Amino acid sequence: MMFNEKIKPPLVLTLICIITCGLLVAAYQATYVDNTGVITEKLESGLTELYGSADGFEMLKNDDGSVLTYDGVDSVISDGTNTAFEITANGYSTGGLHVLVGIDTNGGVSGISILTIGETPGLGTRVQEESFLNQFKGVTKEMTASEEDSGPVKERSVWGTRQKINELSFYNEALGDSGSGFTLDAVSGATFSSKGMYSAVKTALNAYDEMNREEGEDNG
């Protein structure tokens, strides 16, 4: 009996330490953002998904050597033509969306790569499906000029079919022709995650616009 009383407290303490360390490691991995100016394997994978290769891309820096950032943007990566913005946005979970948003030379979204996602499995995680992400392709800053943080929202209950992908493509083409703006087509049951992704897109478009204005001032 005395043996159990002696061994139990340190054993319980050891278990508590192990569990706490595990939680700290998980939290670190979920929230860590590289700030060294080095393109990590995760970022390389995202660039390859967006552009077919990560060759020639560099993380842009300020004059003092620090990583170039903008409001809501963790880093900016460019090969001189293509530009990708690394963004950590809140969905249903705080910092639940870690993405790369590619912007083309016309100022429109060329694609989105999901680096990590910490949203609710089966609901919020569906924002990484091709059929949802495709609606953002070609979207420009002017099309997201709504004063509302989330923009107009509508929901569809079914995602993932080829028919839906084609419908989204047609819908975006119509928006581009009319210049009428962008309506977020949210995943049913995952409005917070959908709005979070839209927020990441707006952040990238605003940063791209600001970067171009800064370059224009420097050249002027």
C-alpha atoms as a PDB file:
ATOM      1  CA  MET A   1       0.000   0.000   0.000  1.00  0.00           C
ATOM      2  CA  MET A   2       2.809   2.379   0.928  1.00  0.00           C
ATOM      3  CA  PHE A   3       4.536   1.532  -2.362  1.00  0.00           C
ATOM      4  CA  ASN A   4       1.453   2.594  -4.334  1.00  0.00           C
ATOM      5  CA  GLU A   5       1.208   5.823  -2.360  1.00  0.00           C
ATOM      6  CA  LYS A   6       4.840   6.617  -3.164  1.00  0.00           C
ATOM      7  CA  ILE A   7       4.693   5.747  -6.843  1.00  0.00           C
ATOM      8  CA  LYS A   8       1.284   7.199  -7.702  1.00  0.00           C
ATOM      9  CA  PRO A   9       2.039  10.975  -7.325  1.00  0.00           C
ATOM     10  CA  PRO A  10       5.142  11.001  -9.580  1.00  0.00           C
ATOM     11  CA  LEU A  11       3.372   8.767 -12.093  1.00  0.00           C
ATOM     12  CA  VAL A  12       0.395  11.109 -12.280  1.00  0.00           C
ATOM     13  CA  LEU A  13       2.750  14.083 -12.555  1.00  0.00           C
ATOM     14  CA  THR A  14       4.641  12.408 -15.395  1.00  0.00           C
ATOM     15  CA  LEU A  15       1.430  11.718 -17.292  1.00  0.00           C
ATOM     16  CA  ILE A  16       0.308  15.324 -16.857  1.00  0.00           C
ATOM     17  CA  CYS A  17       3.657  16.564 -18.216  1.00  0.00           C
ATOM     18  CA  ILE A  18       3.453  14.242 -21.232  1.00  0.00           C
ATOM     19  CA  ILE A  19      -0.089  15.329 -22.067  1.00  0.00           C
ATOM     20  CA  THR A  20       0.774  19.031 -21.610  1.00  0.00           C
ATOM     21  CA  CYS A  21       3.849  18.745 -23.840  1.00  0.00           C
ATOM     22  CA  GLY A  22       1.790  16.999 -26.515  1.00  0.00           C
ATOM     23  CA  LEU A  23      -0.809  19.770 -26.466  1.00  0.00           C
ATOM     24  CA  LEU A  24       1.882  22.451 -26.670  1.00  0.00           C
ATOM     25  CA  VAL A  25       3.522  20.757 -29.662  1.00  0.00           C
ATOM     26  CA  ALA A  26       0.156  20.426 -31.428  1.00  0.00           C
ATOM     27  CA  ALA A  27      -0.671  24.083 -30.779  1.00  0.00           C
ATOM     28  CA  TYR A  28       2.762  25.180 -32.022  1.00  0.00           C
ATOM     29  CA  GLN A  29       2.454  23.200 -35.240  1.00  0.00           C
ATOM     30  CA  ALA A  30      -1.045  24.536 -35.852  1.00  0.00           C
ATOM     31  CA  THR A  31      -0.139  28.204 -35.344  1.00  0.00           C
ATOM     32  CA  TYR A  32       3.513  28.404 -36.419  1.00  0.00           C
ATOM     33  CA  VAL A  33       4.212  30.852 -39.225  1.00  0.00           C
ATOM     34  CA  ASP A  34       7.672  30.904 -40.760  1.00  0.00           C
ATOM     35  CA  ASN A  35       9.257  34.329 -40.421  1.00  0.00           C
ATOM     36  CA  THR A  36      12.822  33.555 -41.437  1.00  0.00           C
ATOM     37  CA  GLY A  37      12.454  34.403 -45.113  1.00  0.00           C
ATOM     38  CA  VAL A  38      12.980  30.786 -46.127  1.00  0.00           C
ATOM     39  CA  ILE A  39      10.429  29.055 -48.345  1.00  0.00           C
ATOM     40  CA  THR A  40       9.533  25.907 -46.429  1.00  0.00           C
ATOM     41  CA  GLU A  41       8.550  22.562 -47.931  1.00  0.00           C
ATOM     42  CA  LYS A  42       4.934  23.356 -47.157  1.00  0.00           C
ATOM     43  CA  LEU A  43       5.133  26.618 -49.085  1.00  0.00           C
ATOM     44  CA  GLU A  44       6.966  24.905 -51.952  1.00  0.00           C
ATOM     45  CA  SER A  45       4.159  22.368 -52.150  1.00  0.00           C
ATOM     46  CA  GLY A  46       1.586  25.168 -52.249  1.00  0.00           C
ATOM     47  CA  LEU A  47       3.470  27.045 -54.970  1.00  0.00           C
ATOM     48  CA  THR A  48       3.744  23.867 -57.027  1.00  0.00           C
ATOM     49  CA  GLU A  49       0.002  23.345 -56.710  1.00  0.00           C
ATOM     50  CA  LEU A  50      -0.655  26.898 -57.878  1.00  0.00           C
ATOM     51  CA  TYR A  51       1.989  27.274 -60.592  1.00  0.00           C
ATOM     52  CA  GLY A  52       3.274  23.805 -61.384  1.00  0.00           C
ATOM     53  CA  SER A  53       6.667  24.514 -59.826  1.00  0.00           C
ATOM     54  CA  ALA A  54       8.275  26.471 -56.995  1.00  0.00           C
ATOM     55  CA  ASP A  55      11.420  27.199 -59.041  1.00  0.00           C
ATOM     56  CA  GLY A  56      12.398  30.854 -59.189  1.00  0.00           C
ATOM     57  CA  PHE A  57      10.152  31.950 -56.317  1.00  0.00           C
ATOM     58  CA  GLU A  58      11.554  34.059 -53.500  1.00  0.00           C
ATOM     59  CA  MET A  59      10.046  35.419 -50.308  1.00  0.00           C
ATOM     60  CA  LEU A  60      10.023  39.199 -50.655  1.00  0.00           C
ATOM     61  CA  LYS A  61      11.783  41.261 -48.000  1.00  0.00           C
ATOM     62  CA  ASN A  62      11.991  44.832 -46.794  1.00  0.00           C
ATOM     63  CA  ASP A  63      15.140  46.923 -47.138  1.00  0.00           C
ATOM     64  CA  ASP A  64      16.234  45.895 -43.644  1.00  0.00           C
ATOM     65  CA  GLY A  65      16.049  42.190 -44.557  1.00  0.00           C
ATOM     66  CA  SER A  66      12.841  41.446 -42.669  1.00  0.00           C
ATOM     67  CA  VAL A  67      10.022  39.532 -44.339  1.00  0.00           C
ATOM     68  CA  LEU A  68       7.653  41.762 -46.302  1.00  0.00           C
ATOM     69  CA  THR A  69       4.174  41.631 -44.800  1.00  0.00           C
ATOM     70  CA  TYR A  70       0.893  43.453 -45.154  1.00  0.00           C
ATOM     71  CA  ASP A  71      -2.176  43.639 -42.954  1.00  0.00           C
ATOM     72  CA  GLY A  72      -3.264  40.012 -42.522  1.00  0.00           C
ATOM     73  CA  VAL A  73      -0.472  38.692 -44.780  1.00  0.00           C
ATOM     74  CA  ASP A  74       2.291  36.492 -43.316  1.00  0.00           C
ATOM     75  CA  SER A  75       4.565  36.676 -46.370  1.00  0.00           C
ATOM     76  CA  VAL A  76       4.657  37.513 -50.074  1.00  0.00           C
ATOM     77  CA  ILE A  77       6.305  35.106 -52.518  1.00  0.00           C
ATOM     78  CA  SER A  78       7.054  35.985 -56.143  1.00  0.00           C
ATOM     79  CA  ASP A  79       9.052  34.851 -59.161  1.00  0.00           C
ATOM     80  CA  GLY A  80       8.875  38.283 -60.760  1.00  0.00           C
ATOM     81  CA  THR A  81       5.662  37.497 -62.623  1.00  0.00           C
ATOM     82  CA  ASN A  82       3.453  35.367 -60.388  1.00  0.00           C
ATOM     83  CA  THR A  83       2.716  36.459 -56.830  1.00  0.00           C
ATOM     84  CA  ALA A  84       1.361  34.394 -53.926  1.00  0.00           C
ATOM     85  CA  PHE A  85       0.270  35.690 -50.545  1.00  0.00           C
ATOM     86  CA  GLU A  86       0.603  33.500 -47.456  1.00  0.00           C
ATOM     87  CA  ILE A  87      -2.349  34.172 -45.172  1.00  0.00           C
ATOM     88  CA  THR A  88      -3.571  32.754 -41.878  1.00  0.00           C
ATOM     89  CA  ALA A  89      -7.272  33.553 -41.496  1.00  0.00           C
ATOM     90  CA  ASN A  90      -9.942  32.803 -38.925  1.00  0.00           C
ATOM     91  CA  GLY A  91     -12.716  30.450 -39.922  1.00  0.00           C
ATOM     92  CA  TYR A  92     -14.821  28.655 -37.350  1.00  0.00           C
ATOM     93  CA  SER A  93     -11.510  28.126 -35.538  1.00  0.00           C
ATOM     94  CA  THR A  94      -9.078  30.936 -34.767  1.00  0.00           C
ATOM     95  CA  GLY A  95      -6.296  30.711 -37.353  1.00  0.00           C
ATOM     96  CA  GLY A  96      -8.018  27.671 -38.840  1.00  0.00           C
ATOM     97  CA  LEU A  97      -7.180  28.569 -42.449  1.00  0.00           C
ATOM     98  CA  HIS A  98      -3.539  28.741 -43.570  1.00  0.00           C
ATOM     99  CA  VAL A  99      -3.512  29.337 -47.316  1.00  0.00           C
ATOM    100  CA  LEU A 100      -1.584  30.608 -50.310  1.00  0.00           C
ATOM    101  CA  VAL A 101      -3.602  32.905 -52.567  1.00  0.00           C
ATOM    102  CA  GLY A 102      -2.160  33.399 -56.043  1.00  0.00           C
ATOM    103  CA  ILE A 103      -2.791  36.693 -57.850  1.00  0.00           C
ATOM    104  CA  ASP A 104      -2.171  37.046 -61.586  1.00  0.00           C
ATOM    105  CA  THR A 105      -0.748  40.081 -63.406  1.00  0.00           C
ATOM    106  CA  ASN A 106      -4.271  41.353 -64.077  1.00  0.00           C
ATOM    107  CA  GLY A 107      -4.966  41.557 -60.357  1.00  0.00           C
ATOM    108  CA  GLY A 108      -7.289  38.547 -60.284  1.00  0.00           C
ATOM    109  CA  VAL A 109      -7.131  35.404 -58.177  1.00  0.00           C
ATOM    110  CA  SER A 110      -5.317  32.667 -60.100  1.00  0.00           C
ATOM    111  CA  GLY A 111      -5.821  29.969 -57.471  1.00  0.00           C
ATOM    112  CA  ILE A 112      -5.785  29.007 -53.798  1.00  0.00           C
ATOM    113  CA  SER A 113      -3.675  26.328 -52.131  1.00  0.00           C
ATOM    114  CA  ILE A 114      -4.565  25.074 -48.656  1.00  0.00           C
ATOM    115  CA  LEU A 115      -1.417  24.759 -46.536  1.00  0.00           C
ATOM    116  CA  THR A 116      -3.132  23.600 -43.345  1.00  0.00           C
ATOM    117  CA  ILE A 117      -6.745  23.591 -42.200  1.00  0.00           C
ATOM    118  CA  GLY A 118      -8.032  23.370 -38.659  1.00  0.00           C
ATOM    119  CA  GLU A 119     -11.751  23.606 -39.331  1.00  0.00           C
ATOM    120  CA  THR A 120     -14.487  21.167 -38.297  1.00  0.00           C
ATOM    121  CA  PRO A 121     -13.996  17.830 -40.130  1.00  0.00           C
ATOM    122  CA  GLY A 122     -16.755  17.133 -42.646  1.00  0.00           C
ATOM    123  CA  LEU A 123     -18.078  20.698 -42.507  1.00  0.00           C
ATOM    124  CA  GLY A 124     -15.502  23.489 -42.456  1.00  0.00           C
ATOM    125  CA  THR A 125     -12.901  21.273 -44.110  1.00  0.00           C
ATOM    126  CA  ARG A 126     -15.081  21.215 -47.225  1.00  0.00           C
ATOM    127  CA  VAL A 127     -13.881  24.709 -48.131  1.00  0.00           C
ATOM    128  CA  GLN A 128     -10.746  23.028 -49.479  1.00  0.00           C
ATOM    129  CA  GLU A 129     -12.776  21.231 -52.157  1.00  0.00           C
ATOM    130  CA  GLU A 130     -12.115  22.232 -55.747  1.00  0.00           C
ATOM    131  CA  SER A 131     -15.750  23.082 -56.370  1.00  0.00           C
ATOM    132  CA  PHE A 132     -15.724  25.680 -53.589  1.00  0.00           C
ATOM    133  CA  LEU A 133     -12.328  27.178 -54.370  1.00  0.00           C
ATOM    134  CA  ASN A 134     -13.056  27.510 -58.100  1.00  0.00           C
ATOM    135  CA  GLN A 135     -15.547  30.310 -57.484  1.00  0.00           C
ATOM    136  CA  PHE A 136     -12.695  32.632 -56.503  1.00  0.00           C
ATOM    137  CA  LYS A 137     -10.716  32.264 -59.731  1.00  0.00           C
ATOM    138  CA  GLY A 138     -10.643  35.515 -61.659  1.00  0.00           C
ATOM    139  CA  VAL A 139     -12.092  37.531 -58.778  1.00  0.00           C
ATOM    140  CA  THR A 140     -10.564  41.022 -58.525  1.00  0.00           C
ATOM    141  CA  LYS A 141     -10.435  43.663 -55.824  1.00  0.00           C
ATOM    142  CA  GLU A 142     -13.166  45.640 -57.577  1.00  0.00           C
ATOM    143  CA  MET A 143     -15.492  42.651 -57.417  1.00  0.00           C
ATOM    144  CA  THR A 144     -15.075  42.437 -53.627  1.00  0.00           C
ATOM    145  CA  ALA A 145     -15.606  46.131 -52.979  1.00  0.00           C
ATOM    146  CA  SER A 146     -18.602  45.523 -50.694  1.00  0.00           C
ATOM    147  CA  GLU A 147     -18.332  47.368 -47.397  1.00  0.00           C
ATOM    148  CA  GLU A 148     -19.408  44.214 -45.580  1.00  0.00           C
ATOM    149  CA  ASP A 149     -16.545  42.143 -44.201  1.00  0.00           C
ATOM    150  CA  SER A 150     -17.962  38.909 -45.569  1.00  0.00           C
ATOM    151  CA  GLY A 151     -19.622  40.215 -48.700  1.00  0.00           C
ATOM    152  CA  PRO A 152     -22.916  38.870 -50.033  1.00  0.00           C
ATOM    153  CA  VAL A 153     -23.464  35.227 -49.117  1.00  0.00           C
ATOM    154  CA  LYS A 154     -25.635  32.446 -50.447  1.00  0.00           C
ATOM    155  CA  GLU A 155     -25.497  28.749 -49.682  1.00  0.00           C
ATOM    156  CA  ARG A 156     -25.622  25.573 -51.734  1.00  0.00           C
ATOM    157  CA  SER A 157     -26.078  22.202 -50.148  1.00  0.00           C
ATOM    158  CA  VAL A 158     -24.170  20.057 -52.658  1.00  0.00           C
ATOM    159  CA  TRP A 159     -20.508  20.326 -53.665  1.00  0.00           C
ATOM    160  CA  GLY A 160     -18.030  18.313 -55.612  1.00  0.00           C
ATOM    161  CA  THR A 161     -19.871  17.289 -58.774  1.00  0.00           C
ATOM    162  CA  ARG A 162     -18.644  18.254 -62.221  1.00  0.00           C
ATOM    163  CA  GLN A 163     -21.964  19.986 -62.809  1.00  0.00           C
ATOM    164  CA  LYS A 164     -21.389  22.246 -59.822  1.00  0.00           C
ATOM    165  CA  ILE A 165     -17.868  23.084 -60.982  1.00  0.00           C
ATOM    166  CA  ASN A 166     -19.181  24.049 -64.414  1.00  0.00           C
ATOM    167  CA  GLU A 167     -21.941  26.123 -62.846  1.00  0.00           C
ATOM    168  CA  LEU A 168     -19.420  28.007 -60.731  1.00  0.00           C
ATOM    169  CA  SER A 169     -17.204  28.630 -63.756  1.00  0.00           C
ATOM    170  CA  PHE A 170     -20.145  29.994 -65.743  1.00  0.00           C
ATOM    171  CA  TYR A 171     -21.234  32.067 -62.763  1.00  0.00           C
ATOM    172  CA  ASN A 172     -17.803  33.685 -62.390  1.00  0.00           C
ATOM    173  CA  GLU A 173     -17.610  34.414 -66.128  1.00  0.00           C
ATOM    174  CA  ALA A 174     -20.968  36.129 -65.914  1.00  0.00           C
ATOM    175  CA  LEU A 175     -19.774  38.194 -62.969  1.00  0.00           C
ATOM    176  CA  GLY A 176     -16.644  39.182 -64.850  1.00  0.00           C
ATOM    177  CA  ASP A 177     -18.646  40.275 -67.904  1.00  0.00           C
ATOM    178  CA  SER A 178     -21.204  42.253 -65.950  1.00  0.00           C
ATOM    179  CA  GLY A 179     -18.862  43.755 -63.376  1.00  0.00           C
ATOM    180  CA  SER A 180     -21.703  43.372 -60.890  1.00  0.00           C
ATOM    181  CA  GLY A 181     -19.569  42.108 -58.000  1.00  0.00           C
ATOM    182  CA  PHE A 182     -18.965  38.824 -56.221  1.00  0.00           C
ATOM    183  CA  THR A 183     -21.393  36.745 -54.194  1.00  0.00           C
ATOM    184  CA  LEU A 184     -19.850  34.194 -51.872  1.00  0.00           C
ATOM    185  CA  ASP A 185     -21.320  30.753 -52.508  1.00  0.00           C
ATOM    186  CA  ALA A 186     -20.865  29.285 -49.024  1.00  0.00           C
ATOM    187  CA  VAL A 187     -20.651  25.630 -48.093  1.00  0.00           C
ATOM    188  CA  SER A 188     -23.886  24.706 -46.349  1.00  0.00           C
ATOM    189  CA  GLY A 189     -23.330  24.364 -42.610  1.00  0.00           C
ATOM    190  CA  ALA A 190     -19.886  25.977 -42.808  1.00  0.00           C
ATOM    191  CA  THR A 191     -20.613  29.675 -43.126  1.00  0.00           C
ATOM    192  CA  PHE A 192     -17.793  30.765 -40.808  1.00  0.00           C
ATOM    193  CA  SER A 193     -15.215  28.711 -42.710  1.00  0.00           C
ATOM    194  CA  SER A 194     -16.559  29.978 -46.051  1.00  0.00           C
ATOM    195  CA  LYS A 195     -16.423  33.589 -44.906  1.00  0.00           C
ATOM    196  CA  GLY A 196     -12.920  32.990 -43.561  1.00  0.00           C
ATOM    197  CA  MET A 197     -11.756  31.842 -46.986  1.00  0.00           C
ATOM    198  CA  TYR A 198     -13.400  34.850 -48.613  1.00  0.00           C
ATOM    199  CA  SER A 199     -11.664  37.081 -46.068  1.00  0.00           C
ATOM    200  CA  ALA A 200      -8.309  35.527 -47.016  1.00  0.00           C
ATOM    201  CA  VAL A 201      -9.004  36.261 -50.692  1.00  0.00           C
ATOM    202  CA  LYS A 202      -9.906  39.883 -49.940  1.00  0.00           C
ATOM    203  CA  THR A 203      -6.767  40.244 -47.833  1.00  0.00           C
ATOM    204  CA  ALA A 204      -4.601  38.999 -50.714  1.00  0.00           C
ATOM    205  CA  LEU A 205      -6.293  41.285 -53.245  1.00  0.00           C
ATOM    206  CA  ASN A 206      -5.913  44.314 -50.980  1.00  0.00           C
ATOM    207  CA  ALA A 207      -2.257  43.500 -50.352  1.00  0.00           C
ATOM    208  CA  TYR A 208      -1.584  43.079 -54.077  1.00  0.00           C
ATOM    209  CA  ASP A 209      -3.185  46.459 -54.753  1.00  0.00           C
ATOM    210  CA  GLU A 210      -1.145  48.097 -51.996  1.00  0.00           C
ATOM    211  CA  MET A 211       2.063  46.482 -53.251  1.00  0.00           C
ATOM    212  CA  ASN A 212       1.434  47.769 -56.780  1.00  0.00           C
ATOM    213  CA  ARG A 213       0.781  51.283 -55.482  1.00  0.00           C
ATOM    214  CA  GLU A 214       4.027  51.205 -53.504  1.00  0.00           C
ATOM    215  CA  GLU A 215       5.962  50.048 -56.559  1.00  0.00           C
ATOM    216  CA  GLY A 216       4.364  52.800 -58.626  1.00  0.00           C
ATOM    217  CA  GLU A 217       5.403  55.413 -56.070  1.00  0.00           C
ATOM    218  CA  ASP A 218       8.973  54.069 -56.033  1.00  0.00           C
ATOM    219  CA  ASN A 219       9.169  54.164 -59.826  1.00  0.00           C
ATOM    220  CA  GLY A 220       7.633  57.597 -59.909  1.00  0.00           C
END
